[in-house]
């Protein structure tokens, strides 16, 4: 297959952010070139949404350190993945160059630029299984890393030193923080009823800002790099750029810490890792930051699926209409059965406006 290469433009501090930036520039049929070891699920979902012809990773998408989910997301979506071509490939091609993929080789015309392994569904599943065997030690390291992160960022997490000022009053308010990824999109759909009733202050982190607008919700604050928000963005919306995000934190982490420090009454988090596997589907620093931020927010932080479950009415709309219809039928049957019921029904029709 042939296509236009979408490659990293210069060095990036965070490989996952670099991958999602490439995904925003990718058009259907392009060939994406990544430089990210242990591809995470959120980054992979962003790539799937862009519908590239193939993904080439110069590093292992699943190194075995932990069961990273990105590779399985791509192969399950039917996107060919050429893995571990070596970082030398990045110096052999440039963004926008037309390249060709054949049997794991990356070519420019007839010149071989790099050779990698073609991932398969079975191969990825086997690698994930092997990675899970060592997860106990991995979880120990996350715990110790989180403790170290808390010590290093104690003033920021506990005292708010270094937090950017949004100028928004969050004290006593319910706050909805929306991170990037397809999970956020699905969870926002379930939060519409709750959002209409509670009218929370809504913060979009990175591409989560666009998901908020797509869901028809009011966006009050943008943290990080949201990409093009289009016409749905308000001119007076508050924005905190990616350069204001402290080292070691993601935009989503920063939004949660800001809301907690501002004495929000409740913080609802959409699109966040919520399982054992997903916590480990991150590099050591971001996993430690995620755990430390959750500890900082404490009882204020609630994941979106829990809010959706609690906000759902005990009796559904169909059930309510069924009960009402049964009541009307019972009244009609009673009028038909009693003497004079027909005359009473006629009088009701004359009196009632409908």
C-alpha atoms as a PDB file:
ATOM      1  CA  UNK A   1       0.000   0.000   0.000  1.00  0.00           C
ATOM      2  CA  UNK A   2       1.116   3.575  -0.596  1.00  0.00           C
ATOM      3  CA  UNK A   3       0.258   6.795   1.187  1.00  0.00           C
ATOM      4  CA  UNK A   4       1.475  10.096   2.563  1.00  0.00           C
ATOM      5  CA  UNK A   5       3.647   9.718   5.667  1.00  0.00           C
ATOM      6  CA  UNK A   6       2.514  11.554   8.816  1.00  0.00           C
ATOM      7  CA  UNK A   7       5.575  11.638  11.053  1.00  0.00           C
ATOM      8  CA  UNK A   8       6.619  13.483  14.236  1.00  0.00           C
ATOM      9  CA  UNK A   9       7.669  17.081  13.667  1.00  0.00           C
ATOM     10  CA  UNK A  10      10.625  17.628  15.960  1.00  0.00           C
ATOM     11  CA  UNK A  11      11.221  16.221  19.457  1.00  0.00           C
ATOM     12  CA  UNK A  12       8.363  15.808  21.940  1.00  0.00           C
ATOM     13  CA  UNK A  13       8.546  15.540  25.717  1.00  0.00           C
ATOM     14  CA  UNK A  14       5.528  13.242  25.830  1.00  0.00           C
ATOM     15  CA  UNK A  15       5.333  10.482  23.173  1.00  0.00           C
ATOM     16  CA  UNK A  16       1.597   9.972  23.746  1.00  0.00           C
ATOM     17  CA  UNK A  17       0.909  13.677  23.125  1.00  0.00           C
ATOM     18  CA  UNK A  18       3.043  13.499  19.974  1.00  0.00           C
ATOM     19  CA  UNK A  19       1.004  10.519  18.730  1.00  0.00           C
ATOM     20  CA  UNK A  20      -2.320  12.280  19.296  1.00  0.00           C
ATOM     21  CA  UNK A  21      -0.962  15.391  17.552  1.00  0.00           C
ATOM     22  CA  UNK A  22      -0.080  13.253  14.528  1.00  0.00           C
ATOM     23  CA  UNK A  23      -3.572  11.717  14.643  1.00  0.00           C
ATOM     24  CA  UNK A  24      -5.127  15.174  14.339  1.00  0.00           C
ATOM     25  CA  UNK A  25      -3.081  15.817  11.181  1.00  0.00           C
ATOM     26  CA  UNK A  26      -3.836  12.424   9.665  1.00  0.00           C
ATOM     27  CA  UNK A  27      -6.303  12.013   6.823  1.00  0.00           C
ATOM     28  CA  UNK A  28      -7.899   8.803   5.635  1.00  0.00           C
ATOM     29  CA  UNK A  29      -5.370   6.707   3.704  1.00  0.00           C
ATOM     30  CA  UNK A  30      -2.244   8.289   5.212  1.00  0.00           C
ATOM     31  CA  UNK A  31       0.549   6.170   6.670  1.00  0.00           C
ATOM     32  CA  UNK A  32       1.299   7.164  10.258  1.00  0.00           C
ATOM     33  CA  UNK A  33       4.853   6.995  11.602  1.00  0.00           C
ATOM     34  CA  UNK A  34       5.083   6.807  15.417  1.00  0.00           C
ATOM     35  CA  UNK A  35       7.850   7.026  17.975  1.00  0.00           C
ATOM     36  CA  UNK A  36       6.108   5.622  21.072  1.00  0.00           C
ATOM     37  CA  UNK A  37       7.056   2.575  23.087  1.00  0.00           C
ATOM     38  CA  UNK A  38       4.059   0.730  24.610  1.00  0.00           C
ATOM     39  CA  UNK A  39       1.296   2.436  22.635  1.00  0.00           C
ATOM     40  CA  UNK A  40      -1.578   3.346  24.961  1.00  0.00           C
ATOM     41  CA  UNK A  41      -5.285   2.805  24.281  1.00  0.00           C
ATOM     42  CA  UNK A  42      -6.312   6.503  24.090  1.00  0.00           C
ATOM     43  CA  UNK A  43      -3.639   7.300  21.499  1.00  0.00           C
ATOM     44  CA  UNK A  44      -4.612   4.227  19.477  1.00  0.00           C
ATOM     45  CA  UNK A  45      -8.296   5.232  19.516  1.00  0.00           C
ATOM     46  CA  UNK A  46      -7.331   8.653  18.170  1.00  0.00           C
ATOM     47  CA  UNK A  47      -5.480   6.930  15.330  1.00  0.00           C
ATOM     48  CA  UNK A  48      -8.421   4.632  14.558  1.00  0.00           C
ATOM     49  CA  UNK A  49     -10.716   7.662  14.297  1.00  0.00           C
ATOM     50  CA  UNK A  50      -8.335   9.184  11.708  1.00  0.00           C
ATOM     51  CA  UNK A  51      -8.579   5.991   9.567  1.00  0.00           C
ATOM     52  CA  UNK A  52      -4.982   5.697   8.309  1.00  0.00           C
ATOM     53  CA  UNK A  53      -3.979   3.044   5.775  1.00  0.00           C
ATOM     54  CA  UNK A  54      -1.286   1.717   8.126  1.00  0.00           C
ATOM     55  CA  UNK A  55       0.629   2.576  11.290  1.00  0.00           C
ATOM     56  CA  UNK A  56       4.406   2.225  11.523  1.00  0.00           C
ATOM     57  CA  UNK A  57       6.008   2.408  14.974  1.00  0.00           C
ATOM     58  CA  UNK A  58       9.766   2.767  15.150  1.00  0.00           C
ATOM     59  CA  UNK A  59       9.628   1.346  18.697  1.00  0.00           C
ATOM     60  CA  UNK A  60       7.830  -1.715  20.138  1.00  0.00           C
ATOM     61  CA  UNK A  61       4.123  -0.995  20.512  1.00  0.00           C
ATOM     62  CA  UNK A  62       3.993  -3.729  23.158  1.00  0.00           C
ATOM     63  CA  UNK A  63       7.371  -4.115  24.829  1.00  0.00           C
ATOM     64  CA  UNK A  64       6.237  -6.580  27.503  1.00  0.00           C
ATOM     65  CA  UNK A  65       6.806  -4.241  30.441  1.00  0.00           C
ATOM     66  CA  UNK A  66       3.028  -4.052  30.871  1.00  0.00           C
ATOM     67  CA  UNK A  67      -0.011  -5.020  28.741  1.00  0.00           C
ATOM     68  CA  UNK A  68      -0.311  -1.788  26.756  1.00  0.00           C
ATOM     69  CA  UNK A  69      -3.657  -1.802  24.911  1.00  0.00           C
ATOM     70  CA  UNK A  70      -2.843   0.351  21.890  1.00  0.00           C
ATOM     71  CA  UNK A  71      -1.593  -2.427  19.618  1.00  0.00           C
ATOM     72  CA  UNK A  72      -4.703  -4.558  20.189  1.00  0.00           C
ATOM     73  CA  UNK A  73      -6.975  -1.562  19.473  1.00  0.00           C
ATOM     74  CA  UNK A  74      -5.295  -0.990  16.104  1.00  0.00           C
ATOM     75  CA  UNK A  75      -5.210  -4.598  14.918  1.00  0.00           C
ATOM     76  CA  UNK A  76      -8.801  -5.161  16.086  1.00  0.00           C
ATOM     77  CA  UNK A  77      -9.824  -2.193  13.907  1.00  0.00           C
ATOM     78  CA  UNK A  78      -8.160  -3.841  10.909  1.00  0.00           C
ATOM     79  CA  UNK A  79      -5.348  -1.298  10.625  1.00  0.00           C
ATOM     80  CA  UNK A  80      -2.010  -2.887   9.607  1.00  0.00           C
ATOM     81  CA  UNK A  81       0.710  -2.227  12.186  1.00  0.00           C
ATOM     82  CA  UNK A  82       4.405  -2.478  11.284  1.00  0.00           C
ATOM     83  CA  UNK A  83       6.324  -2.530  14.548  1.00  0.00           C
ATOM     84  CA  UNK A  84       9.883  -1.941  15.752  1.00  0.00           C
ATOM     85  CA  UNK A  85      11.413  -0.632  12.532  1.00  0.00           C
ATOM     86  CA  UNK A  86      14.107   1.221  14.497  1.00  0.00           C
ATOM     87  CA  UNK A  87      14.457   4.938  15.154  1.00  0.00           C
ATOM     88  CA  UNK A  88      16.708   5.347  12.109  1.00  0.00           C
ATOM     89  CA  UNK A  89      13.550   5.415   9.987  1.00  0.00           C
ATOM     90  CA  UNK A  90      12.747   8.892  11.327  1.00  0.00           C
ATOM     91  CA  UNK A  91      15.918  10.299   9.759  1.00  0.00           C
ATOM     92  CA  UNK A  92      15.210   8.560   6.447  1.00  0.00           C
ATOM     93  CA  UNK A  93      11.849  10.172   5.735  1.00  0.00           C
ATOM     94  CA  UNK A  94      10.031  13.432   6.403  1.00  0.00           C
ATOM     95  CA  UNK A  95       6.441  14.386   7.118  1.00  0.00           C
ATOM     96  CA  UNK A  96       4.383  14.567   3.925  1.00  0.00           C
ATOM     97  CA  UNK A  97       6.652  12.258   1.927  1.00  0.00           C
ATOM     98  CA  UNK A  98       4.949   9.516  -0.086  1.00  0.00           C
ATOM     99  CA  UNK A  99       5.981   6.041   1.079  1.00  0.00           C
ATOM    100  CA  UNK A 100       5.116   2.452   0.286  1.00  0.00           C
ATOM    101  CA  UNK A 101       4.498  -0.470   2.670  1.00  0.00           C
ATOM    102  CA  UNK A 102       5.242  -4.039   1.569  1.00  0.00           C
ATOM    103  CA  UNK A 103       5.649  -7.112   3.807  1.00  0.00           C
ATOM    104  CA  UNK A 104       6.802  -5.086   6.802  1.00  0.00           C
ATOM    105  CA  UNK A 105       9.156  -2.897   4.763  1.00  0.00           C
ATOM    106  CA  UNK A 106       8.830   0.870   4.447  1.00  0.00           C
ATOM    107  CA  UNK A 107       9.983   2.116   1.024  1.00  0.00           C
ATOM    108  CA  UNK A 108      10.418   5.414  -0.763  1.00  0.00           C
ATOM    109  CA  UNK A 109      10.050   4.416  -4.377  1.00  0.00           C
ATOM    110  CA  UNK A 110      12.355   1.347  -4.529  1.00  0.00           C
ATOM    111  CA  UNK A 111      14.626   2.269  -1.607  1.00  0.00           C
ATOM    112  CA  UNK A 112      14.072   0.397   1.658  1.00  0.00           C
ATOM    113  CA  UNK A 113      13.943   2.887   4.543  1.00  0.00           C
ATOM    114  CA  UNK A 114      13.180   0.473   7.356  1.00  0.00           C
ATOM    115  CA  UNK A 115      11.970  -3.062   8.108  1.00  0.00           C
ATOM    116  CA  UNK A 116       9.643  -4.073  10.941  1.00  0.00           C
ATOM    117  CA  UNK A 117       7.351  -6.823  12.177  1.00  0.00           C
ATOM    118  CA  UNK A 118       3.745  -7.026  11.002  1.00  0.00           C
ATOM    119  CA  UNK A 119       1.557  -7.436  14.093  1.00  0.00           C
ATOM    120  CA  UNK A 120      -1.291  -9.943  14.135  1.00  0.00           C
ATOM    121  CA  UNK A 121      -4.273 -10.329  16.451  1.00  0.00           C
ATOM    122  CA  UNK A 122      -2.945 -13.640  17.793  1.00  0.00           C
ATOM    123  CA  UNK A 123       0.574 -12.291  18.260  1.00  0.00           C
ATOM    124  CA  UNK A 124      -0.627  -9.219  20.143  1.00  0.00           C
ATOM    125  CA  UNK A 125      -2.883 -11.313  22.404  1.00  0.00           C
ATOM    126  CA  UNK A 126       0.026 -13.628  23.222  1.00  0.00           C
ATOM    127  CA  UNK A 127       2.314 -10.674  24.010  1.00  0.00           C
ATOM    128  CA  UNK A 128      -0.359  -9.124  26.271  1.00  0.00           C
ATOM    129  CA  UNK A 129      -0.712 -12.432  28.117  1.00  0.00           C
ATOM    130  CA  UNK A 130       3.019 -12.625  28.748  1.00  0.00           C
ATOM    131  CA  UNK A 131       3.065  -9.013  29.926  1.00  0.00           C
ATOM    132  CA  UNK A 132       0.309  -9.665  32.471  1.00  0.00           C
ATOM    133  CA  UNK A 133       2.462 -12.263  34.204  1.00  0.00           C
ATOM    134  CA  UNK A 134       4.793  -9.536  35.422  1.00  0.00           C
ATOM    135  CA  UNK A 135       2.055  -7.100  36.445  1.00  0.00           C
ATOM    136  CA  UNK A 136       2.423  -7.724  40.192  1.00  0.00           C
ATOM    137  CA  UNK A 137       5.912  -6.255  40.138  1.00  0.00           C
ATOM    138  CA  UNK A 138       4.678  -3.489  37.864  1.00  0.00           C
ATOM    139  CA  UNK A 139       1.955  -2.531  40.366  1.00  0.00           C
ATOM    140  CA  UNK A 140       4.526  -2.389  43.160  1.00  0.00           C
ATOM    141  CA  UNK A 141       6.578   0.033  41.099  1.00  0.00           C
ATOM    142  CA  UNK A 142       3.502   2.207  40.395  1.00  0.00           C
ATOM    143  CA  UNK A 143       2.843   2.459  44.135  1.00  0.00           C
ATOM    144  CA  UNK A 144       6.412   3.504  44.912  1.00  0.00           C
ATOM    145  CA  UNK A 145       6.438   5.896  41.947  1.00  0.00           C
ATOM    146  CA  UNK A 146       3.190   7.481  43.164  1.00  0.00           C
ATOM    147  CA  UNK A 147       4.703   8.025  46.622  1.00  0.00           C
ATOM    148  CA  UNK A 148       7.751   9.653  45.035  1.00  0.00           C
ATOM    149  CA  UNK A 149       5.484  11.786  42.829  1.00  0.00           C
ATOM    150  CA  UNK A 150       3.561  13.001  45.890  1.00  0.00           C
ATOM    151  CA  UNK A 151       6.788  13.984  47.617  1.00  0.00           C
ATOM    152  CA  UNK A 152       8.121  15.787  44.542  1.00  0.00           C
ATOM    153  CA  UNK A 153       4.873  17.641  43.813  1.00  0.00           C
ATOM    154  CA  UNK A 154       3.691  18.117  47.398  1.00  0.00           C
ATOM    155  CA  UNK A 155       3.367  21.906  47.211  1.00  0.00           C
ATOM    156  CA  UNK A 156       1.463  21.782  43.933  1.00  0.00           C
ATOM    157  CA  UNK A 157      -0.929  19.013  44.963  1.00  0.00           C
ATOM    158  CA  UNK A 158      -1.592  20.074  48.552  1.00  0.00           C
ATOM    159  CA  UNK A 159      -1.040  23.846  48.512  1.00  0.00           C
ATOM    160  CA  UNK A 160      -1.774  24.675  44.888  1.00  0.00           C
ATOM    161  CA  UNK A 161       1.650  26.265  44.350  1.00  0.00           C
ATOM    162  CA  UNK A 162       2.237  26.622  40.616  1.00  0.00           C
ATOM    163  CA  UNK A 163      -1.361  25.989  39.558  1.00  0.00           C
ATOM    164  CA  UNK A 164      -2.572  28.335  36.798  1.00  0.00           C
ATOM    165  CA  UNK A 165      -5.417  30.703  37.630  1.00  0.00           C
ATOM    166  CA  UNK A 166      -8.513  30.130  35.520  1.00  0.00           C
ATOM    167  CA  UNK A 167     -10.416  33.082  36.968  1.00  0.00           C
ATOM    168  CA  UNK A 168     -13.487  30.834  37.299  1.00  0.00           C
ATOM    169  CA  UNK A 169     -15.298  30.278  40.597  1.00  0.00           C
ATOM    170  CA  UNK A 170     -15.544  26.533  41.250  1.00  0.00           C
ATOM    171  CA  UNK A 171     -16.188  26.652  45.010  1.00  0.00           C
ATOM    172  CA  UNK A 172     -19.298  24.688  45.897  1.00  0.00           C
ATOM    173  CA  UNK A 173     -20.006  23.815  42.255  1.00  0.00           C
ATOM    174  CA  UNK A 174     -20.106  20.467  40.513  1.00  0.00           C
ATOM    175  CA  UNK A 175     -17.347  20.197  37.912  1.00  0.00           C
ATOM    176  CA  UNK A 176     -17.201  17.882  34.896  1.00  0.00           C
ATOM    177  CA  UNK A 177     -13.696  17.126  33.582  1.00  0.00           C
ATOM    178  CA  UNK A 178     -13.603  15.528  30.125  1.00  0.00           C
ATOM    179  CA  UNK A 179     -10.388  13.923  28.878  1.00  0.00           C
ATOM    180  CA  UNK A 180      -9.532  12.769  25.349  1.00  0.00           C
ATOM    181  CA  UNK A 181     -10.522   9.412  23.849  1.00  0.00           C
ATOM    182  CA  UNK A 182     -13.517   7.448  22.610  1.00  0.00           C
ATOM    183  CA  UNK A 183     -14.430   6.455  26.158  1.00  0.00           C
ATOM    184  CA  UNK A 184     -15.109  10.122  26.939  1.00  0.00           C
ATOM    185  CA  UNK A 185     -17.417  10.371  23.927  1.00  0.00           C
ATOM    186  CA  UNK A 186     -19.470   7.377  25.089  1.00  0.00           C
ATOM    187  CA  UNK A 187     -19.601   8.527  28.712  1.00  0.00           C
ATOM    188  CA  UNK A 188     -20.706  12.040  27.735  1.00  0.00           C
ATOM    189  CA  UNK A 189     -23.732  10.562  25.978  1.00  0.00           C
ATOM    190  CA  UNK A 190     -24.802   9.034  29.284  1.00  0.00           C
ATOM    191  CA  UNK A 191     -24.181  12.260  31.214  1.00  0.00           C
ATOM    192  CA  UNK A 192     -26.509  14.520  29.200  1.00  0.00           C
ATOM    193  CA  UNK A 193     -29.463  14.138  31.577  1.00  0.00           C
ATOM    194  CA  UNK A 194     -27.299  14.798  34.637  1.00  0.00           C
ATOM    195  CA  UNK A 195     -25.640  17.799  32.954  1.00  0.00           C
ATOM    196  CA  UNK A 196     -29.012  19.356  32.065  1.00  0.00           C
ATOM    197  CA  UNK A 197     -30.232  19.020  35.652  1.00  0.00           C
ATOM    198  CA  UNK A 198     -27.049  19.999  37.519  1.00  0.00           C
ATOM    199  CA  UNK A 199     -25.485  22.463  35.047  1.00  0.00           C
ATOM    200  CA  UNK A 200     -21.893  21.704  36.066  1.00  0.00           C
ATOM    201  CA  UNK A 201     -18.861  23.789  35.183  1.00  0.00           C
ATOM    202  CA  UNK A 202     -17.317  21.859  32.264  1.00  0.00           C
ATOM    203  CA  UNK A 203     -13.566  21.559  31.670  1.00  0.00           C
ATOM    204  CA  UNK A 204     -12.226  20.016  28.465  1.00  0.00           C
ATOM    205  CA  UNK A 205      -8.700  18.572  28.647  1.00  0.00           C
ATOM    206  CA  UNK A 206      -6.836  18.371  25.334  1.00  0.00           C
ATOM    207  CA  UNK A 207      -9.114  16.807  22.674  1.00  0.00           C
ATOM    208  CA  UNK A 208     -11.808  16.349  25.337  1.00  0.00           C
ATOM    209  CA  UNK A 209     -12.798  19.977  24.683  1.00  0.00           C
ATOM    210  CA  UNK A 210     -13.986  19.086  21.195  1.00  0.00           C
ATOM    211  CA  UNK A 211     -15.942  16.124  22.574  1.00  0.00           C
ATOM    212  CA  UNK A 212     -17.777  18.453  24.982  1.00  0.00           C
ATOM    213  CA  UNK A 213     -18.880  20.691  22.115  1.00  0.00           C
ATOM    214  CA  UNK A 214     -19.851  17.690  19.983  1.00  0.00           C
ATOM    215  CA  UNK A 215     -22.084  16.484  22.826  1.00  0.00           C
ATOM    216  CA  UNK A 216     -23.897  19.836  22.854  1.00  0.00           C
ATOM    217  CA  UNK A 217     -22.641  20.893  26.288  1.00  0.00           C
ATOM    218  CA  UNK A 218     -21.406  24.335  27.344  1.00  0.00           C
ATOM    219  CA  UNK A 219     -17.599  24.418  27.560  1.00  0.00           C
ATOM    220  CA  UNK A 220     -16.309  26.742  30.287  1.00  0.00           C
ATOM    221  CA  UNK A 221     -12.581  26.000  30.412  1.00  0.00           C
ATOM    222  CA  UNK A 222     -10.042  24.403  28.061  1.00  0.00           C
ATOM    223  CA  UNK A 223      -6.815  22.959  29.458  1.00  0.00           C
ATOM    224  CA  UNK A 224      -3.966  21.800  27.219  1.00  0.00           C
ATOM    225  CA  UNK A 225      -3.997  21.456  23.445  1.00  0.00           C
ATOM    226  CA  UNK A 226      -7.571  20.935  22.148  1.00  0.00           C
ATOM    227  CA  UNK A 227      -6.907  21.198  18.423  1.00  0.00           C
ATOM    228  CA  UNK A 228      -9.423  22.997  16.217  1.00  0.00           C
ATOM    229  CA  UNK A 229     -12.652  23.551  18.156  1.00  0.00           C
ATOM    230  CA  UNK A 230     -14.526  24.956  15.173  1.00  0.00           C
ATOM    231  CA  UNK A 231     -17.490  27.293  15.349  1.00  0.00           C
ATOM    232  CA  UNK A 232     -18.915  25.750  18.533  1.00  0.00           C
ATOM    233  CA  UNK A 233     -16.319  27.420  20.770  1.00  0.00           C
ATOM    234  CA  UNK A 234     -17.331  30.576  22.609  1.00  0.00           C
ATOM    235  CA  UNK A 235     -15.057  33.592  22.150  1.00  0.00           C
ATOM    236  CA  UNK A 236     -14.968  34.351  25.885  1.00  0.00           C
ATOM    237  CA  UNK A 237     -14.189  30.787  26.915  1.00  0.00           C
ATOM    238  CA  UNK A 238     -11.226  30.525  29.315  1.00  0.00           C
ATOM    239  CA  UNK A 239      -8.169  28.719  27.947  1.00  0.00           C
ATOM    240  CA  UNK A 240      -5.065  27.403  29.705  1.00  0.00           C
ATOM    241  CA  UNK A 241      -2.427  26.360  27.200  1.00  0.00           C
ATOM    242  CA  UNK A 242      -0.254  23.262  27.220  1.00  0.00           C
ATOM    243  CA  UNK A 243       2.733  25.356  28.331  1.00  0.00           C
ATOM    244  CA  UNK A 244       0.964  25.989  31.661  1.00  0.00           C
ATOM    245  CA  UNK A 245       0.609  22.265  32.433  1.00  0.00           C
ATOM    246  CA  UNK A 246       3.234  21.420  35.124  1.00  0.00           C
ATOM    247  CA  UNK A 247       5.811  18.743  34.262  1.00  0.00           C
ATOM    248  CA  UNK A 248       4.643  15.245  35.138  1.00  0.00           C
ATOM    249  CA  UNK A 249       0.919  16.036  34.870  1.00  0.00           C
ATOM    250  CA  UNK A 250      -1.420  15.599  31.926  1.00  0.00           C
ATOM    251  CA  UNK A 251      -3.988  18.273  31.072  1.00  0.00           C
ATOM    252  CA  UNK A 252      -6.687  16.042  32.567  1.00  0.00           C
ATOM    253  CA  UNK A 253      -4.699  15.620  35.797  1.00  0.00           C
ATOM    254  CA  UNK A 254      -4.216  19.375  36.029  1.00  0.00           C
ATOM    255  CA  UNK A 255      -7.943  20.024  35.565  1.00  0.00           C
ATOM    256  CA  UNK A 256      -8.778  17.652  38.435  1.00  0.00           C
ATOM    257  CA  UNK A 257      -6.194  19.219  40.758  1.00  0.00           C
ATOM    258  CA  UNK A 258      -7.439  22.733  39.905  1.00  0.00           C
ATOM    259  CA  UNK A 259     -11.023  21.773  40.707  1.00  0.00           C
ATOM    260  CA  UNK A 260     -10.022  20.092  43.968  1.00  0.00           C
ATOM    261  CA  UNK A 261      -7.909  23.069  45.040  1.00  0.00           C
ATOM    262  CA  UNK A 262     -10.776  25.451  44.177  1.00  0.00           C
ATOM    263  CA  UNK A 263     -13.087  23.582  46.634  1.00  0.00           C
ATOM    264  CA  UNK A 264     -15.445  22.111  44.038  1.00  0.00           C
ATOM    265  CA  UNK A 265     -18.371  20.253  45.578  1.00  0.00           C
ATOM    266  CA  UNK A 266     -17.966  17.289  43.209  1.00  0.00           C
ATOM    267  CA  UNK A 267     -15.589  16.388  40.377  1.00  0.00           C
ATOM    268  CA  UNK A 268     -16.983  14.055  37.712  1.00  0.00           C
ATOM    269  CA  UNK A 269     -14.255  12.594  35.508  1.00  0.00           C
ATOM    270  CA  UNK A 270     -15.015  11.292  32.012  1.00  0.00           C
ATOM    271  CA  UNK A 271     -12.626   9.163  29.984  1.00  0.00           C
ATOM    272  CA  UNK A 272     -10.259   8.194  32.786  1.00  0.00           C
ATOM    273  CA  UNK A 273      -8.685   4.740  33.264  1.00  0.00           C
ATOM    274  CA  UNK A 274     -10.923   2.818  35.618  1.00  0.00           C
ATOM    275  CA  UNK A 275      -9.479  -0.683  35.823  1.00  0.00           C
ATOM    276  CA  UNK A 276      -6.384  -2.542  36.969  1.00  0.00           C
ATOM    277  CA  UNK A 277      -5.200  -3.184  33.414  1.00  0.00           C
ATOM    278  CA  UNK A 278      -5.796   0.389  32.305  1.00  0.00           C
ATOM    279  CA  UNK A 279      -3.787   1.856  35.177  1.00  0.00           C
ATOM    280  CA  UNK A 280      -0.852  -0.212  33.978  1.00  0.00           C
ATOM    281  CA  UNK A 281      -1.503   0.773  30.341  1.00  0.00           C
ATOM    282  CA  UNK A 282       0.659   3.836  30.891  1.00  0.00           C
ATOM    283  CA  UNK A 283       4.294   4.695  31.331  1.00  0.00           C
ATOM    284  CA  UNK A 284       5.566   4.773  34.916  1.00  0.00           C
ATOM    285  CA  UNK A 285       5.433   8.545  35.322  1.00  0.00           C
ATOM    286  CA  UNK A 286       1.884   9.044  34.034  1.00  0.00           C
ATOM    287  CA  UNK A 287       0.583   6.030  36.010  1.00  0.00           C
ATOM    288  CA  UNK A 288       2.133   7.472  39.183  1.00  0.00           C
ATOM    289  CA  UNK A 289       0.644  10.903  38.427  1.00  0.00           C
ATOM    290  CA  UNK A 290      -2.811   9.399  37.823  1.00  0.00           C
ATOM    291  CA  UNK A 291      -2.758   7.578  41.154  1.00  0.00           C
ATOM    292  CA  UNK A 292      -1.403  10.611  43.032  1.00  0.00           C
ATOM    293  CA  UNK A 293      -4.048  12.932  41.544  1.00  0.00           C
ATOM    294  CA  UNK A 294      -6.830  10.536  42.526  1.00  0.00           C
ATOM    295  CA  UNK A 295      -5.484  10.477  46.070  1.00  0.00           C
ATOM    296  CA  UNK A 296      -5.404  14.291  46.096  1.00  0.00           C
ATOM    297  CA  UNK A 297      -9.000  14.622  44.930  1.00  0.00           C
ATOM    298  CA  UNK A 298     -10.165  11.940  47.366  1.00  0.00           C
ATOM    299  CA  UNK A 299     -13.919  11.680  47.937  1.00  0.00           C
ATOM    300  CA  UNK A 300     -14.594  14.630  45.600  1.00  0.00           C
ATOM    301  CA  UNK A 301     -13.705  12.564  42.530  1.00  0.00           C
ATOM    302  CA  UNK A 302     -16.324  10.317  40.904  1.00  0.00           C
ATOM    303  CA  UNK A 303     -16.002   8.506  37.582  1.00  0.00           C
ATOM    304  CA  UNK A 304     -18.645   9.300  34.960  1.00  0.00           C
ATOM    305  CA  UNK A 305     -20.191   5.787  34.747  1.00  0.00           C
ATOM    306  CA  UNK A 306     -21.110   5.943  38.452  1.00  0.00           C
ATOM    307  CA  UNK A 307     -22.876   9.281  37.975  1.00  0.00           C
ATOM    308  CA  UNK A 308     -24.732   7.957  34.936  1.00  0.00           C
ATOM    309  CA  UNK A 309     -25.947   4.936  36.916  1.00  0.00           C
ATOM    310  CA  UNK A 310     -27.115   7.062  39.852  1.00  0.00           C
ATOM    311  CA  UNK A 311     -28.744   9.720  37.662  1.00  0.00           C
ATOM    312  CA  UNK A 312     -30.778   7.200  35.652  1.00  0.00           C
ATOM    313  CA  UNK A 313     -34.459   7.209  36.672  1.00  0.00           C
ATOM    314  CA  UNK A 314     -35.648   4.148  38.601  1.00  0.00           C
ATOM    315  CA  UNK A 315     -38.618   3.824  36.216  1.00  0.00           C
ATOM    316  CA  UNK A 316     -37.929   4.202  32.524  1.00  0.00           C
ATOM    317  CA  UNK A 317     -40.050   6.283  30.144  1.00  0.00           C
ATOM    318  CA  UNK A 318     -41.498   3.205  28.429  1.00  0.00           C
ATOM    319  CA  UNK A 319     -42.557   1.727  31.760  1.00  0.00           C
ATOM    320  CA  UNK A 320     -44.189   5.004  32.834  1.00  0.00           C
ATOM    321  CA  UNK A 321     -46.189   5.241  29.609  1.00  0.00           C
ATOM    322  CA  UNK A 322     -47.202   1.581  29.939  1.00  0.00           C
ATOM    323  CA  UNK A 323     -48.621   2.226  33.422  1.00  0.00           C
ATOM    324  CA  UNK A 324     -50.490   5.329  32.187  1.00  0.00           C
ATOM    325  CA  UNK A 325     -51.957   3.420  29.233  1.00  0.00           C
ATOM    326  CA  UNK A 326     -53.048   0.584  31.499  1.00  0.00           C
ATOM    327  CA  UNK A 327     -54.829   3.113  33.737  1.00  0.00           C
ATOM    328  CA  UNK A 328     -56.685   4.649  30.798  1.00  0.00           C
ATOM    329  CA  UNK A 329     -57.761   1.218  29.548  1.00  0.00           C
ATOM    330  CA  UNK A 330     -59.014   0.321  33.026  1.00  0.00           C
ATOM    331  CA  UNK A 331     -61.140   3.483  33.154  1.00  0.00           C
ATOM    332  CA  UNK A 332     -62.587   2.765  29.701  1.00  0.00           C
ATOM    333  CA  UNK A 333     -63.426  -0.814  30.712  1.00  0.00           C
ATOM    334  CA  UNK A 334     -65.110   0.405  33.916  1.00  0.00           C
ATOM    335  CA  UNK A 335     -67.259   2.935  32.049  1.00  0.00           C
ATOM    336  CA  UNK A 336     -68.325   0.257  29.574  1.00  0.00           C
ATOM    337  CA  UNK A 337     -69.275  -2.184  32.348  1.00  0.00           C
ATOM    338  CA  UNK A 338     -71.409   0.016  34.655  1.00  0.00           C
ATOM    339  CA  UNK A 339     -74.986   1.168  33.913  1.00  0.00           C
ATOM    340  CA  UNK A 340     -74.982   4.704  32.513  1.00  0.00           C
ATOM    341  CA  UNK A 341     -71.305   4.501  31.652  1.00  0.00           C
ATOM    342  CA  UNK A 342     -71.929   5.382  28.026  1.00  0.00           C
ATOM    343  CA  UNK A 343     -73.804   8.587  28.967  1.00  0.00           C
ATOM    344  CA  UNK A 344     -71.011   9.540  31.409  1.00  0.00           C
ATOM    345  CA  UNK A 345     -68.389   9.021  28.745  1.00  0.00           C
ATOM    346  CA  UNK A 346     -70.401  11.227  26.355  1.00  0.00           C
ATOM    347  CA  UNK A 347     -70.568  14.014  28.960  1.00  0.00           C
ATOM    348  CA  UNK A 348     -66.795  13.791  29.528  1.00  0.00           C
ATOM    349  CA  UNK A 349     -66.157  14.122  25.793  1.00  0.00           C
ATOM    350  CA  UNK A 350     -68.375  17.270  25.731  1.00  0.00           C
ATOM    351  CA  UNK A 351     -66.593  18.842  28.712  1.00  0.00           C
ATOM    352  CA  UNK A 352     -62.945  17.962  28.049  1.00  0.00           C
ATOM    353  CA  UNK A 353     -61.160  20.187  25.470  1.00  0.00           C
ATOM    354  CA  UNK A 354     -59.587  17.216  23.691  1.00  0.00           C
END
